[in-house]
Amino acid sequence: RGRWYRVAVGAEGSRHVFVHNFTRDITESRPPNCTELTEKEKQRLGTPVTDLPLLLQRIHDQKKVLPVIYGSEAACHALKSYAMYSADSQLLDTSVLRKINDKSLEECRFAIVSAMRYGKKLCVFIGDHLADFAEKVCLPKNKGKFPAGLFRHGGLIGDLVREQLFTQDDRECGQCVLREGFLVYLLVSYGDGGSSLEMASARRDELRVIPGLQAMEEVRCHCEEDKVALLQEALRASSVR
């Protein structure tokens, strides 16, 4: 009764243990009756967060659309932390737009320009708070701070857009430099405030305020904590049967 699952542990998943979802036994040796995740479970989890950089680049280069990454609170936290501290990424946390003013808009502009100047992946994080981008943020008066082109593939690379975004201090020899490696992707939490691997219909309805969302490439992602949550869910299901 029940199943064995392989779970990564240690720093950056440096080793694995096997956990039984019914007895809760844990062993480092692979049990003879260990089974891998089913295809349905793999689809539900989505892409491991460690595999996202290459996938993001492929979607950007080949499909010519913006990727929108969906994940649990744990997965989004891992990706936000990576975007904050990695040399090849830049975080734009739209939570600052709870109050739409010069300060919060400038934080967004600075993140956009920094990613462009240094050739970074710009992670636009959308958490529980959803700003009204179409009606209150991406307005003509804010085009030099938060342009609507942020939500379109290639929407920021035009000379005029960069002229509006770059201050004199941002320019290099008077040029609005856009270095290779720059791309934009959205990171959106499922919005439950927990570890659920599904998005409520109400949350999906809320996301309609994101301009151009339907044209983006959806990608589900997961971290190791999500695998544990899936194990716990399977355990509860087994105990009921």
C-alpha atoms as a PDB file:
ATOM      1  CA  ARG A   1       0.000   0.000   0.000  1.00  0.00           C
ATOM      2  CA  GLY A   2       1.347   3.394  -0.964  1.00  0.00           C
ATOM      3  CA  ARG A   3       4.358   4.362  -3.066  1.00  0.00           C
ATOM      4  CA  TRP A   4       7.994   5.326  -2.712  1.00  0.00           C
ATOM      5  CA  TYR A   5       9.085   8.704  -4.056  1.00  0.00           C
ATOM      6  CA  ARG A   6      12.549  10.127  -4.618  1.00  0.00           C
ATOM      7  CA  VAL A   7      13.055  13.542  -2.999  1.00  0.00           C
ATOM      8  CA  ALA A   8      16.102  15.812  -3.288  1.00  0.00           C
ATOM      9  CA  VAL A   9      17.564  17.063   0.004  1.00  0.00           C
ATOM     10  CA  GLY A  10      20.630  18.978   1.088  1.00  0.00           C
ATOM     11  CA  ALA A  11      22.080  22.102  -0.440  1.00  0.00           C
ATOM     12  CA  GLU A  12      20.665  22.584  -3.932  1.00  0.00           C
ATOM     13  CA  GLY A  13      19.370  19.013  -3.988  1.00  0.00           C
ATOM     14  CA  SER A  14      22.880  17.566  -3.672  1.00  0.00           C
ATOM     15  CA  ARG A  15      21.567  14.158  -2.574  1.00  0.00           C
ATOM     16  CA  HIS A  16      18.336  12.162  -2.626  1.00  0.00           C
ATOM     17  CA  VAL A  17      16.319  10.101  -0.178  1.00  0.00           C
ATOM     18  CA  PHE A  18      13.285   7.900  -0.772  1.00  0.00           C
ATOM     19  CA  VAL A  19      10.066   8.616   1.112  1.00  0.00           C
ATOM     20  CA  HIS A  20       7.077   6.267   1.382  1.00  0.00           C
ATOM     21  CA  ASN A  21       3.831   8.190   1.167  1.00  0.00           C
ATOM     22  CA  PHE A  22       1.896   5.804   3.437  1.00  0.00           C
ATOM     23  CA  THR A  23       4.307   4.501   6.077  1.00  0.00           C
ATOM     24  CA  ARG A  24       6.397   7.714   5.980  1.00  0.00           C
ATOM     25  CA  ASP A  25       9.571   5.610   6.031  1.00  0.00           C
ATOM     26  CA  ILE A  26      12.695   7.326   4.721  1.00  0.00           C
ATOM     27  CA  THR A  27      15.749   5.597   3.281  1.00  0.00           C
ATOM     28  CA  GLU A  28      18.789   6.612   1.263  1.00  0.00           C
ATOM     29  CA  SER A  29      18.857   3.275  -0.567  1.00  0.00           C
ATOM     30  CA  ARG A  30      16.538   2.952  -3.533  1.00  0.00           C
ATOM     31  CA  PRO A  31      13.733   0.505  -2.600  1.00  0.00           C
ATOM     32  CA  PRO A  32      13.169  -2.320  -5.114  1.00  0.00           C
ATOM     33  CA  ASN A  33       9.538  -1.295  -5.641  1.00  0.00           C
ATOM     34  CA  CYS A  34      10.266   2.423  -6.027  1.00  0.00           C
ATOM     35  CA  THR A  35       8.233   4.080  -8.751  1.00  0.00           C
ATOM     36  CA  GLU A  36       8.831   7.438 -10.380  1.00  0.00           C
ATOM     37  CA  LEU A  37       6.209  10.144 -10.607  1.00  0.00           C
ATOM     38  CA  THR A  38       3.353   9.390 -12.955  1.00  0.00           C
ATOM     39  CA  GLU A  39       3.028  11.471 -16.112  1.00  0.00           C
ATOM     40  CA  LYS A  40      -0.024  13.158 -14.613  1.00  0.00           C
ATOM     41  CA  GLU A  41       1.936  14.085 -11.489  1.00  0.00           C
ATOM     42  CA  LYS A  42       4.854  15.375 -13.568  1.00  0.00           C
ATOM     43  CA  GLN A  43       2.499  17.547 -15.602  1.00  0.00           C
ATOM     44  CA  ARG A  44       0.954  18.895 -12.439  1.00  0.00           C
ATOM     45  CA  LEU A  45       4.346  19.817 -11.006  1.00  0.00           C
ATOM     46  CA  GLY A  46       5.684  21.258 -14.243  1.00  0.00           C
ATOM     47  CA  THR A  47       9.280  22.218 -14.969  1.00  0.00           C
ATOM     48  CA  PRO A  48      11.871  22.109 -12.160  1.00  0.00           C
ATOM     49  CA  VAL A  49      12.995  25.622 -11.249  1.00  0.00           C
ATOM     50  CA  THR A  50      16.588  24.614 -12.019  1.00  0.00           C
ATOM     51  CA  ASP A  51      15.645  23.948 -15.661  1.00  0.00           C
ATOM     52  CA  LEU A  52      13.886  27.277 -16.218  1.00  0.00           C
ATOM     53  CA  PRO A  53      16.800  29.442 -17.472  1.00  0.00           C
ATOM     54  CA  LEU A  54      17.306  27.370 -20.630  1.00  0.00           C
ATOM     55  CA  LEU A  55      13.551  27.054 -21.181  1.00  0.00           C
ATOM     56  CA  LEU A  56      13.059  30.809 -20.847  1.00  0.00           C
ATOM     57  CA  GLN A  57      15.774  31.472 -23.392  1.00  0.00           C
ATOM     58  CA  ARG A  58      14.285  28.956 -25.834  1.00  0.00           C
ATOM     59  CA  ILE A  59      10.789  30.466 -25.586  1.00  0.00           C
ATOM     60  CA  HIS A  60      12.211  33.954 -26.047  1.00  0.00           C
ATOM     61  CA  ASP A  61      14.418  33.062 -29.028  1.00  0.00           C
ATOM     62  CA  GLN A  62      12.292  30.524 -30.878  1.00  0.00           C
ATOM     63  CA  LYS A  63       8.658  31.307 -30.088  1.00  0.00           C
ATOM     64  CA  LYS A  64       9.122  35.078 -29.852  1.00  0.00           C
ATOM     65  CA  VAL A  65       6.635  35.445 -26.979  1.00  0.00           C
ATOM     66  CA  LEU A  66       6.866  36.343 -23.303  1.00  0.00           C
ATOM     67  CA  PRO A  67       7.001  33.374 -20.917  1.00  0.00           C
ATOM     68  CA  VAL A  68       4.672  33.520 -17.910  1.00  0.00           C
ATOM     69  CA  ILE A  69       5.827  31.191 -15.145  1.00  0.00           C
ATOM     70  CA  TYR A  70       3.254  29.885 -12.666  1.00  0.00           C
ATOM     71  CA  GLY A  71       4.354  28.454  -9.333  1.00  0.00           C
ATOM     72  CA  SER A  72       3.537  27.874  -5.700  1.00  0.00           C
ATOM     73  CA  GLU A  73       4.577  30.299  -2.991  1.00  0.00           C
ATOM     74  CA  ALA A  74       7.681  28.176  -2.332  1.00  0.00           C
ATOM     75  CA  ALA A  75       8.686  28.011  -6.001  1.00  0.00           C
ATOM     76  CA  CYS A  76       8.127  31.739  -6.489  1.00  0.00           C
ATOM     77  CA  HIS A  77      10.196  32.508  -3.403  1.00  0.00           C
ATOM     78  CA  ALA A  78      13.078  30.444  -4.790  1.00  0.00           C
ATOM     79  CA  LEU A  79      12.892  32.165  -8.170  1.00  0.00           C
ATOM     80  CA  LYS A  80      12.578  35.630  -6.637  1.00  0.00           C
ATOM     81  CA  SER A  81      15.651  34.992  -4.499  1.00  0.00           C
ATOM     82  CA  TYR A  82      17.552  33.825  -7.573  1.00  0.00           C
ATOM     83  CA  ALA A  83      16.525  36.937  -9.512  1.00  0.00           C
ATOM     84  CA  MET A  84      17.628  39.167  -6.619  1.00  0.00           C
ATOM     85  CA  TYR A  85      21.093  37.709  -6.163  1.00  0.00           C
ATOM     86  CA  SER A  86      22.092  36.058  -9.448  1.00  0.00           C
ATOM     87  CA  ALA A  87      24.458  37.938 -11.751  1.00  0.00           C
ATOM     88  CA  ASP A  88      22.324  37.147 -14.808  1.00  0.00           C
ATOM     89  CA  SER A  89      18.923  38.181 -13.416  1.00  0.00           C
ATOM     90  CA  GLN A  90      17.070  41.264 -12.214  1.00  0.00           C
ATOM     91  CA  LEU A  91      13.907  41.336 -10.088  1.00  0.00           C
ATOM     92  CA  LEU A  92      11.009  43.705 -10.712  1.00  0.00           C
ATOM     93  CA  ASP A  93       8.588  43.062  -7.855  1.00  0.00           C
ATOM     94  CA  THR A  94       5.257  44.638  -8.795  1.00  0.00           C
ATOM     95  CA  SER A  95       4.186  44.476  -5.150  1.00  0.00           C
ATOM     96  CA  VAL A  96       5.699  47.960  -4.827  1.00  0.00           C
ATOM     97  CA  LEU A  97       2.754  49.183  -6.911  1.00  0.00           C
ATOM     98  CA  ARG A  98       0.364  48.800  -3.997  1.00  0.00           C
ATOM     99  CA  LYS A  99       0.897  52.544  -3.947  1.00  0.00           C
ATOM    100  CA  ILE A 100       1.348  53.942  -7.431  1.00  0.00           C
ATOM    101  CA  ASN A 101       3.534  56.994  -6.990  1.00  0.00           C
ATOM    102  CA  ASP A 102       6.821  58.403  -8.248  1.00  0.00           C
ATOM    103  CA  LYS A 103       8.857  56.285  -5.823  1.00  0.00           C
ATOM    104  CA  SER A 104       7.311  52.932  -6.755  1.00  0.00           C
ATOM    105  CA  LEU A 105       7.327  53.714 -10.479  1.00  0.00           C
ATOM    106  CA  GLU A 106      10.982  54.719 -10.259  1.00  0.00           C
ATOM    107  CA  GLU A 107      11.835  51.387  -8.602  1.00  0.00           C
ATOM    108  CA  CYS A 108      10.229  49.625 -11.566  1.00  0.00           C
ATOM    109  CA  ARG A 109      12.023  51.832 -14.115  1.00  0.00           C
ATOM    110  CA  PHE A 110      15.365  51.251 -12.422  1.00  0.00           C
ATOM    111  CA  ALA A 111      14.881  47.455 -12.543  1.00  0.00           C
ATOM    112  CA  ILE A 112      13.945  47.544 -16.244  1.00  0.00           C
ATOM    113  CA  VAL A 113      16.894  49.716 -17.204  1.00  0.00           C
ATOM    114  CA  SER A 114      19.361  47.724 -15.092  1.00  0.00           C
ATOM    115  CA  ALA A 115      18.330  44.496 -16.843  1.00  0.00           C
ATOM    116  CA  MET A 116      18.736  46.143 -20.251  1.00  0.00           C
ATOM    117  CA  ARG A 117      22.107  47.747 -19.507  1.00  0.00           C
ATOM    118  CA  TYR A 118      23.690  44.582 -18.119  1.00  0.00           C
ATOM    119  CA  GLY A 119      22.026  41.971 -20.334  1.00  0.00           C
ATOM    120  CA  LYS A 120      19.986  40.280 -17.598  1.00  0.00           C
ATOM    121  CA  LYS A 121      16.766  38.295 -17.489  1.00  0.00           C
ATOM    122  CA  LEU A 122      14.098  40.586 -16.045  1.00  0.00           C
ATOM    123  CA  CYS A 123      11.791  38.698 -13.671  1.00  0.00           C
ATOM    124  CA  VAL A 124       8.495  40.586 -13.346  1.00  0.00           C
ATOM    125  CA  PHE A 125       6.956  39.124 -10.197  1.00  0.00           C
ATOM    126  CA  ILE A 126       3.199  39.311  -9.672  1.00  0.00           C
ATOM    127  CA  GLY A 127       2.153  38.071  -6.252  1.00  0.00           C
ATOM    128  CA  ASP A 128      -1.088  38.253  -4.311  1.00  0.00           C
ATOM    129  CA  HIS A 129      -1.431  41.968  -4.976  1.00  0.00           C
ATOM    130  CA  LEU A 130      -2.408  42.720  -8.566  1.00  0.00           C
ATOM    131  CA  ALA A 131      -1.938  46.253  -9.786  1.00  0.00           C
ATOM    132  CA  ASP A 132      -4.416  47.535 -12.353  1.00  0.00           C
ATOM    133  CA  PHE A 133      -1.788  47.732 -15.069  1.00  0.00           C
ATOM    134  CA  ALA A 134      -4.062  48.747 -17.945  1.00  0.00           C
ATOM    135  CA  GLU A 135      -6.032  51.467 -16.149  1.00  0.00           C
ATOM    136  CA  LYS A 136      -3.590  52.840 -13.572  1.00  0.00           C
ATOM    137  CA  VAL A 137       0.000  51.854 -14.375  1.00  0.00           C
ATOM    138  CA  CYS A 138       0.687  51.552 -18.118  1.00  0.00           C
ATOM    139  CA  LEU A 139      -0.601  55.026 -18.889  1.00  0.00           C
ATOM    140  CA  PRO A 140       0.886  57.500 -21.398  1.00  0.00           C
ATOM    141  CA  LYS A 141       2.103  59.682 -18.527  1.00  0.00           C
ATOM    142  CA  ASN A 142       4.061  56.711 -17.126  1.00  0.00           C
ATOM    143  CA  LYS A 143       5.652  55.542 -20.383  1.00  0.00           C
ATOM    144  CA  GLY A 144       9.041  56.684 -19.135  1.00  0.00           C
ATOM    145  CA  LYS A 145       8.659  54.621 -15.960  1.00  0.00           C
ATOM    146  CA  PHE A 146       6.485  51.592 -16.701  1.00  0.00           C
ATOM    147  CA  PRO A 147       5.779  51.249 -20.455  1.00  0.00           C
ATOM    148  CA  ALA A 148       3.061  48.917 -21.741  1.00  0.00           C
ATOM    149  CA  GLY A 149       5.733  47.305 -23.929  1.00  0.00           C
ATOM    150  CA  LEU A 150       6.969  45.469 -20.853  1.00  0.00           C
ATOM    151  CA  PHE A 151       4.207  42.932 -21.489  1.00  0.00           C
ATOM    152  CA  ARG A 152       5.104  42.313 -25.157  1.00  0.00           C
ATOM    153  CA  HIS A 153       7.952  40.330 -26.623  1.00  0.00           C
ATOM    154  CA  GLY A 154      10.438  42.898 -27.904  1.00  0.00           C
ATOM    155  CA  GLY A 155       8.278  45.709 -26.566  1.00  0.00           C
ATOM    156  CA  LEU A 156      11.191  47.478 -24.869  1.00  0.00           C
ATOM    157  CA  ILE A 157      13.931  47.288 -27.470  1.00  0.00           C
ATOM    158  CA  GLY A 158      12.870  50.214 -29.678  1.00  0.00           C
ATOM    159  CA  ASP A 159      15.056  53.320 -29.643  1.00  0.00           C
ATOM    160  CA  LEU A 160      12.188  55.616 -28.646  1.00  0.00           C
ATOM    161  CA  VAL A 161      11.160  53.401 -25.722  1.00  0.00           C
ATOM    162  CA  ARG A 162      14.716  53.330 -24.409  1.00  0.00           C
ATOM    163  CA  GLU A 163      15.110  57.076 -24.858  1.00  0.00           C
ATOM    164  CA  GLN A 164      12.115  57.528 -22.561  1.00  0.00           C
ATOM    165  CA  LEU A 165      13.310  54.992 -19.970  1.00  0.00           C
ATOM    166  CA  PHE A 166      17.008  55.907 -19.686  1.00  0.00           C
ATOM    167  CA  THR A 167      18.042  58.903 -17.635  1.00  0.00           C
ATOM    168  CA  GLN A 168      21.257  60.762 -18.451  1.00  0.00           C
ATOM    169  CA  ASP A 169      23.011  58.856 -15.651  1.00  0.00           C
ATOM    170  CA  ASP A 170      21.943  55.532 -17.199  1.00  0.00           C
ATOM    171  CA  ARG A 171      23.485  56.286 -20.592  1.00  0.00           C
ATOM    172  CA  GLU A 172      26.908  55.218 -21.723  1.00  0.00           C
ATOM    173  CA  CYS A 173      28.564  57.851 -23.914  1.00  0.00           C
ATOM    174  CA  GLY A 174      25.070  59.176 -24.515  1.00  0.00           C
ATOM    175  CA  GLN A 175      23.766  55.787 -25.688  1.00  0.00           C
ATOM    176  CA  CYS A 176      20.851  53.780 -24.265  1.00  0.00           C
ATOM    177  CA  VAL A 177      22.704  50.479 -24.267  1.00  0.00           C
ATOM    178  CA  LEU A 178      20.799  47.208 -24.612  1.00  0.00           C
ATOM    179  CA  ARG A 179      23.147  44.284 -24.031  1.00  0.00           C
ATOM    180  CA  GLU A 180      22.749  40.743 -25.263  1.00  0.00           C
ATOM    181  CA  GLY A 181      21.029  38.438 -22.780  1.00  0.00           C
ATOM    182  CA  PHE A 182      18.178  40.802 -21.936  1.00  0.00           C
ATOM    183  CA  LEU A 183      14.742  39.214 -21.898  1.00  0.00           C
ATOM    184  CA  VAL A 184      11.545  39.580 -19.906  1.00  0.00           C
ATOM    185  CA  TYR A 185       9.418  36.939 -18.224  1.00  0.00           C
ATOM    186  CA  LEU A 186       6.531  37.058 -15.764  1.00  0.00           C
ATOM    187  CA  LEU A 187       6.529  35.089 -12.529  1.00  0.00           C
ATOM    188  CA  VAL A 188       3.024  34.612 -11.129  1.00  0.00           C
ATOM    189  CA  SER A 189       2.085  32.832  -7.920  1.00  0.00           C
ATOM    190  CA  TYR A 190      -0.906  30.525  -7.784  1.00  0.00           C
ATOM    191  CA  GLY A 191      -2.177  33.006  -5.234  1.00  0.00           C
ATOM    192  CA  ASP A 192      -3.302  30.712  -2.449  1.00  0.00           C
ATOM    193  CA  GLY A 193      -0.664  31.810   0.029  1.00  0.00           C
ATOM    194  CA  GLY A 194       0.355  28.185   0.534  1.00  0.00           C
ATOM    195  CA  SER A 195       1.718  25.175  -1.307  1.00  0.00           C
ATOM    196  CA  SER A 196      -1.180  24.328  -3.588  1.00  0.00           C
ATOM    197  CA  LEU A 197      -0.181  23.284  -7.095  1.00  0.00           C
ATOM    198  CA  GLU A 198      -3.399  24.557  -8.624  1.00  0.00           C
ATOM    199  CA  MET A 199      -4.759  27.997  -9.347  1.00  0.00           C
ATOM    200  CA  ALA A 200      -8.291  28.859  -8.264  1.00  0.00           C
ATOM    201  CA  SER A 201     -10.613  30.081 -10.980  1.00  0.00           C
ATOM    202  CA  ALA A 202     -11.077  33.346  -9.083  1.00  0.00           C
ATOM    203  CA  ARG A 203      -7.326  33.928  -9.165  1.00  0.00           C
ATOM    204  CA  ARG A 204      -7.205  33.239 -12.904  1.00  0.00           C
ATOM    205  CA  ASP A 205      -9.983  35.773 -13.405  1.00  0.00           C
ATOM    206  CA  GLU A 206      -7.967  38.341 -11.435  1.00  0.00           C
ATOM    207  CA  LEU A 207      -4.986  37.859 -13.739  1.00  0.00           C
ATOM    208  CA  ARG A 208      -6.943  39.223 -16.686  1.00  0.00           C
ATOM    209  CA  VAL A 209      -5.721  42.689 -15.739  1.00  0.00           C
ATOM    210  CA  ILE A 210      -2.261  41.672 -17.044  1.00  0.00           C
ATOM    211  CA  PRO A 211      -1.972  43.145 -20.559  1.00  0.00           C
ATOM    212  CA  GLY A 212      -1.391  40.567 -23.310  1.00  0.00           C
ATOM    213  CA  LEU A 213      -1.561  37.587 -20.957  1.00  0.00           C
ATOM    214  CA  GLN A 214      -3.330  35.361 -23.490  1.00  0.00           C
ATOM    215  CA  ALA A 215      -0.473  35.751 -25.964  1.00  0.00           C
ATOM    216  CA  MET A 216       2.150  34.566 -23.463  1.00  0.00           C
ATOM    217  CA  GLU A 217       3.578  31.057 -23.169  1.00  0.00           C
ATOM    218  CA  GLU A 218       2.394  29.440 -19.923  1.00  0.00           C
ATOM    219  CA  VAL A 219       4.897  27.346 -17.963  1.00  0.00           C
ATOM    220  CA  ARG A 220       4.197  25.554 -14.681  1.00  0.00           C
ATOM    221  CA  CYS A 221       7.203  25.188 -12.397  1.00  0.00           C
ATOM    222  CA  HIS A 222       8.007  23.464  -9.132  1.00  0.00           C
ATOM    223  CA  CYS A 223      10.648  23.195  -6.422  1.00  0.00           C
ATOM    224  CA  GLU A 224      11.468  20.253  -4.161  1.00  0.00           C
ATOM    225  CA  GLU A 225       9.078  21.567  -1.507  1.00  0.00           C
ATOM    226  CA  ASP A 226       6.262  21.122  -4.012  1.00  0.00           C
ATOM    227  CA  LYS A 227       7.201  17.456  -4.414  1.00  0.00           C
ATOM    228  CA  VAL A 228       6.909  17.040  -0.660  1.00  0.00           C
ATOM    229  CA  ALA A 229       3.483  18.713  -0.764  1.00  0.00           C
ATOM    230  CA  LEU A 230       2.443  16.246  -3.471  1.00  0.00           C
ATOM    231  CA  LEU A 231       3.618  13.363  -1.273  1.00  0.00           C
ATOM    232  CA  GLN A 232       1.602  14.659   1.652  1.00  0.00           C
ATOM    233  CA  GLU A 233      -1.451  14.972  -0.549  1.00  0.00           C
ATOM    234  CA  ALA A 234      -1.012  11.388  -1.754  1.00  0.00           C
ATOM    235  CA  LEU A 235      -0.637  10.272   1.858  1.00  0.00           C
ATOM    236  CA  ARG A 236      -3.902  11.919   2.857  1.00  0.00           C
ATOM    237  CA  ALA A 237      -5.626  10.325  -0.103  1.00  0.00           C
ATOM    238  CA  SER A 238      -4.242   6.891   0.843  1.00  0.00           C
ATOM    239  CA  SER A 239      -5.406   7.207   4.447  1.00  0.00           C
ATOM    240  CA  VAL A 240      -8.943   7.994   3.301  1.00  0.00           C
ATOM    241  CA  ARG A 241      -9.191   4.960   1.005  1.00  0.00           C
END
